[in-house]
Amino acid sequence: MRVISISTLCKMQQKIADKIFMDFKYTSPNSIEQLQSLITFNDSIIRWFFYLTEANKEFKNRTAVEDETYAKPQSV
């Protein structure tokens, strides 16, 4: 599985972040919009958790392959 770039994920979430900001700036406290934005914000944090977990796995796998490559004796 190939992990998307961090900049791609940021671009994907830009509209979501903008909406969350606007809902908190222009709606009354405890409004339905703010509550929905908190749910959306929570979902966004979960998405980042999974992204970072997968990116870390990919990094570890890539590092392990590189370690194996360098550990093998070179034949002449």
N, C-alpha and C. Protein backbone atom coordinates (compact mmCIF):
# COMPACT_ATOMS: atom_id res chain seq x y z
N MET A 1 0.84 -1.18 0.00
CA MET A 1 0.00 0.00 0.00
C MET A 1 0.89 1.24 0.00
N ARG A 2 0.64 2.13 -0.90
CA ARG A 2 1.40 3.38 -0.99
C ARG A 2 0.67 4.46 -0.22
N VAL A 3 1.39 5.11 0.66
CA VAL A 3 0.82 6.19 1.46
C VAL A 3 0.88 7.48 0.64
N ILE A 4 -0.22 8.23 0.64
CA ILE A 4 -0.22 9.50 -0.08
C ILE A 4 0.69 10.49 0.64
N SER A 5 1.09 11.51 -0.06
CA SER A 5 1.99 12.48 0.55
C SER A 5 1.24 13.32 1.58
N ILE A 6 2.00 13.87 2.49
CA ILE A 6 1.40 14.70 3.53
C ILE A 6 0.77 15.95 2.92
N SER A 7 1.38 16.49 1.88
CA SER A 7 0.80 17.69 1.24
C SER A 7 -0.53 17.36 0.57
N THR A 8 -0.64 16.17 0.00
CA THR A 8 -1.91 15.75 -0.61
C THR A 8 -3.00 15.64 0.45
N LEU A 9 -2.66 15.04 1.57
CA LEU A 9 -3.65 14.91 2.65
C LEU A 9 -4.06 16.29 3.17
N CYS A 10 -3.11 17.19 3.29
CA CYS A 10 -3.43 18.55 3.74
C CYS A 10 -4.38 19.24 2.76
N LYS A 11 -4.11 19.09 1.47
CA LYS A 11 -4.98 19.70 0.46
C LYS A 11 -6.38 19.10 0.49
N MET A 12 -6.44 17.79 0.73
CA MET A 12 -7.74 17.12 0.81
C MET A 12 -8.56 17.64 1.99
N GLN A 13 -7.88 18.01 3.06
CA GLN A 13 -8.59 18.43 4.26
C GLN A 13 -8.73 19.95 4.39
N GLN A 14 -8.24 20.70 3.43
CA GLN A 14 -8.30 22.16 3.53
C GLN A 14 -9.73 22.68 3.64
N LYS A 15 -10.62 22.20 2.79
CA LYS A 15 -12.02 22.66 2.83
C LYS A 15 -12.68 22.29 4.15
N ILE A 16 -12.35 21.11 4.64
CA ILE A 16 -12.91 20.66 5.92
C ILE A 16 -12.45 21.59 7.04
N ALA A 17 -11.15 21.90 7.05
CA ALA A 17 -10.60 22.78 8.08
C ALA A 17 -11.21 24.18 7.98
N ASP A 18 -11.39 24.67 6.77
CA ASP A 18 -12.00 25.99 6.58
C ASP A 18 -13.43 26.02 7.12
N LYS A 19 -14.18 24.96 6.86
CA LYS A 19 -15.57 24.90 7.34
C LYS A 19 -15.61 24.85 8.87
N ILE A 20 -14.72 24.07 9.46
CA ILE A 20 -14.67 24.00 10.93
C ILE A 20 -14.39 25.39 11.49
N PHE A 21 -13.41 26.07 10.92
CA PHE A 21 -13.07 27.42 11.37
C PHE A 21 -14.27 28.36 11.26
N MET A 22 -14.91 28.35 10.11
CA MET A 22 -16.04 29.25 9.89
C MET A 22 -17.20 28.94 10.83
N ASP A 23 -17.45 27.66 11.07
CA ASP A 23 -18.53 27.29 11.99
C ASP A 23 -18.26 27.81 13.40
N PHE A 24 -17.01 27.79 13.82
CA PHE A 24 -16.72 28.28 15.16
C PHE A 24 -16.66 29.80 15.21
N LYS A 25 -16.29 30.42 14.12
CA LYS A 25 -16.17 31.88 14.13
C LYS A 25 -17.54 32.55 14.01
N TYR A 26 -18.44 31.98 13.22
CA TYR A 26 -19.67 32.68 12.88
C TYR A 26 -20.95 32.04 13.41
N THR A 27 -20.86 31.08 14.29
CA THR A 27 -22.07 30.51 14.87
C THR A 27 -22.02 30.66 16.39
N SER A 28 -23.17 30.57 16.99
CA SER A 28 -23.23 30.75 18.44
C SER A 28 -22.68 29.52 19.17
N PRO A 29 -22.17 29.73 20.37
CA PRO A 29 -21.64 28.60 21.15
C PRO A 29 -22.69 27.51 21.33
N ASN A 30 -22.24 26.29 21.26
CA ASN A 30 -23.09 25.10 21.43
C ASN A 30 -24.14 24.93 20.34
N SER A 31 -23.95 25.59 19.22
CA SER A 31 -24.90 25.43 18.12
C SER A 31 -24.70 24.06 17.47
N ILE A 32 -25.68 23.65 16.71
CA ILE A 32 -25.60 22.39 15.98
C ILE A 32 -24.38 22.40 15.05
N GLU A 33 -24.13 23.55 14.42
CA GLU A 33 -22.98 23.66 13.51
C GLU A 33 -21.67 23.42 14.24
N GLN A 34 -21.55 23.97 15.44
CA GLN A 34 -20.32 23.77 16.21
C GLN A 34 -20.18 22.32 16.66
N LEU A 35 -21.26 21.73 17.07
CA LEU A 35 -21.20 20.33 17.48
C LEU A 35 -20.82 19.43 16.30
N GLN A 36 -21.40 19.71 15.14
CA GLN A 36 -21.06 18.94 13.95
C GLN A 36 -19.59 19.15 13.58
N SER A 37 -19.11 20.37 13.75
CA SER A 37 -17.71 20.65 13.45
C SER A 37 -16.77 19.90 14.39
N LEU A 38 -17.17 19.76 15.64
CA LEU A 38 -16.35 18.98 16.57
C LEU A 38 -16.27 17.52 16.15
N ILE A 39 -17.38 16.99 15.68
CA ILE A 39 -17.39 15.61 15.18
C ILE A 39 -16.47 15.51 13.95
N THR A 40 -16.58 16.47 13.06
CA THR A 40 -15.74 16.49 11.87
C THR A 40 -14.27 16.63 12.24
N PHE A 41 -13.98 17.48 13.22
CA PHE A 41 -12.60 17.66 13.69
C PHE A 41 -12.06 16.35 14.26
N ASN A 42 -12.88 15.66 15.04
CA ASN A 42 -12.49 14.37 15.60
C ASN A 42 -12.19 13.37 14.47
N ASP A 43 -13.05 13.34 13.47
CA ASP A 43 -12.82 12.44 12.32
C ASP A 43 -11.50 12.78 11.62
N SER A 44 -11.21 14.06 11.54
CA SER A 44 -9.97 14.50 10.91
C SER A 44 -8.75 14.03 11.70
N ILE A 45 -8.83 14.12 13.01
CA ILE A 45 -7.73 13.64 13.86
C ILE A 45 -7.54 12.14 13.68
N ILE A 46 -8.63 11.40 13.61
CA ILE A 46 -8.55 9.96 13.39
C ILE A 46 -7.90 9.67 12.04
N ARG A 47 -8.29 10.44 11.02
CA ARG A 47 -7.71 10.26 9.69
C ARG A 47 -6.19 10.48 9.73
N TRP A 48 -5.76 11.51 10.46
CA TRP A 48 -4.33 11.77 10.59
C TRP A 48 -3.63 10.64 11.34
N PHE A 49 -4.28 10.10 12.36
CA PHE A 49 -3.70 8.97 13.10
C PHE A 49 -3.43 7.80 12.15
N PHE A 50 -4.43 7.45 11.35
CA PHE A 50 -4.25 6.34 10.42
C PHE A 50 -3.20 6.67 9.37
N TYR A 51 -3.19 7.89 8.89
CA TYR A 51 -2.18 8.30 7.91
C TYR A 51 -0.78 8.13 8.49
N LEU A 52 -0.57 8.66 9.69
CA LEU A 52 0.76 8.60 10.30
C LEU A 52 1.15 7.17 10.64
N THR A 53 0.19 6.36 11.04
CA THR A 53 0.47 4.95 11.33
C THR A 53 0.93 4.23 10.07
N GLU A 54 0.22 4.44 8.96
CA GLU A 54 0.59 3.80 7.70
C GLU A 54 1.92 4.34 7.18
N ALA A 55 2.13 5.64 7.30
CA ALA A 55 3.39 6.23 6.84
C ALA A 55 4.56 5.66 7.65
N ASN A 56 4.35 5.46 8.94
CA ASN A 56 5.39 4.90 9.79
C ASN A 56 5.69 3.45 9.39
N LYS A 57 4.65 2.68 9.10
CA LYS A 57 4.85 1.29 8.66
C LYS A 57 5.65 1.26 7.35
N GLU A 58 5.27 2.13 6.42
CA GLU A 58 5.97 2.18 5.14
C GLU A 58 7.43 2.56 5.34
N PHE A 59 7.67 3.52 6.21
CA PHE A 59 9.04 3.95 6.50
C PHE A 59 9.85 2.80 7.09
N LYS A 60 9.26 2.09 8.06
CA LYS A 60 9.95 0.96 8.68
C LYS A 60 10.24 -0.14 7.67
N ASN A 61 9.27 -0.43 6.80
CA ASN A 61 9.48 -1.45 5.77
C ASN A 61 10.59 -1.05 4.82
N ARG A 62 10.58 0.20 4.40
CA ARG A 62 11.61 0.69 3.48
C ARG A 62 12.98 0.64 4.15
N THR A 63 13.03 1.03 5.42
CA THR A 63 14.29 1.01 6.16
C THR A 63 14.79 -0.42 6.32
N ALA A 64 13.89 -1.35 6.59
CA ALA A 64 14.28 -2.75 6.76
C ALA A 64 14.86 -3.30 5.47
N VAL A 65 14.26 -2.97 4.34
CA VAL A 65 14.77 -3.43 3.04
C VAL A 65 16.15 -2.84 2.79
N GLU A 66 16.32 -1.57 3.09
CA GLU A 66 17.62 -0.93 2.90
C GLU A 66 18.66 -1.57 3.82
N ASP A 67 18.28 -1.86 5.07
CA ASP A 67 19.21 -2.50 6.00
C ASP A 67 19.64 -3.87 5.49
N GLU A 68 18.69 -4.63 4.94
CA GLU A 68 19.02 -5.94 4.39
C GLU A 68 19.96 -5.81 3.20
N THR A 69 19.72 -4.82 2.39
CA THR A 69 20.56 -4.60 1.21
C THR A 69 21.99 -4.29 1.61
N TYR A 70 22.15 -3.44 2.60
CA TYR A 70 23.50 -3.06 3.03
C TYR A 70 24.17 -4.14 3.86
N ALA A 71 23.38 -5.01 4.48
CA ALA A 71 23.95 -6.05 5.34
C ALA A 71 24.49 -7.22 4.53
N LYS A 72 23.99 -7.41 3.31
CA LYS A 72 24.44 -8.53 2.49
C LYS A 72 25.86 -8.26 1.97
N PRO A 73 26.70 -9.28 2.03
CA PRO A 73 28.05 -9.08 1.49
C PRO A 73 27.98 -8.92 -0.03
N GLN A 74 28.77 -8.03 -0.52
CA GLN A 74 28.81 -7.77 -1.95
C GLN A 74 29.69 -8.81 -2.63
N SER A 75 29.15 -9.44 -3.67
CA SER A 75 29.97 -10.41 -4.41
C SER A 75 30.76 -9.66 -5.47
N VAL A 76 31.96 -10.13 -5.69
CA VAL A 76 32.84 -9.46 -6.65
C VAL A 76 32.85 -10.20 -7.96
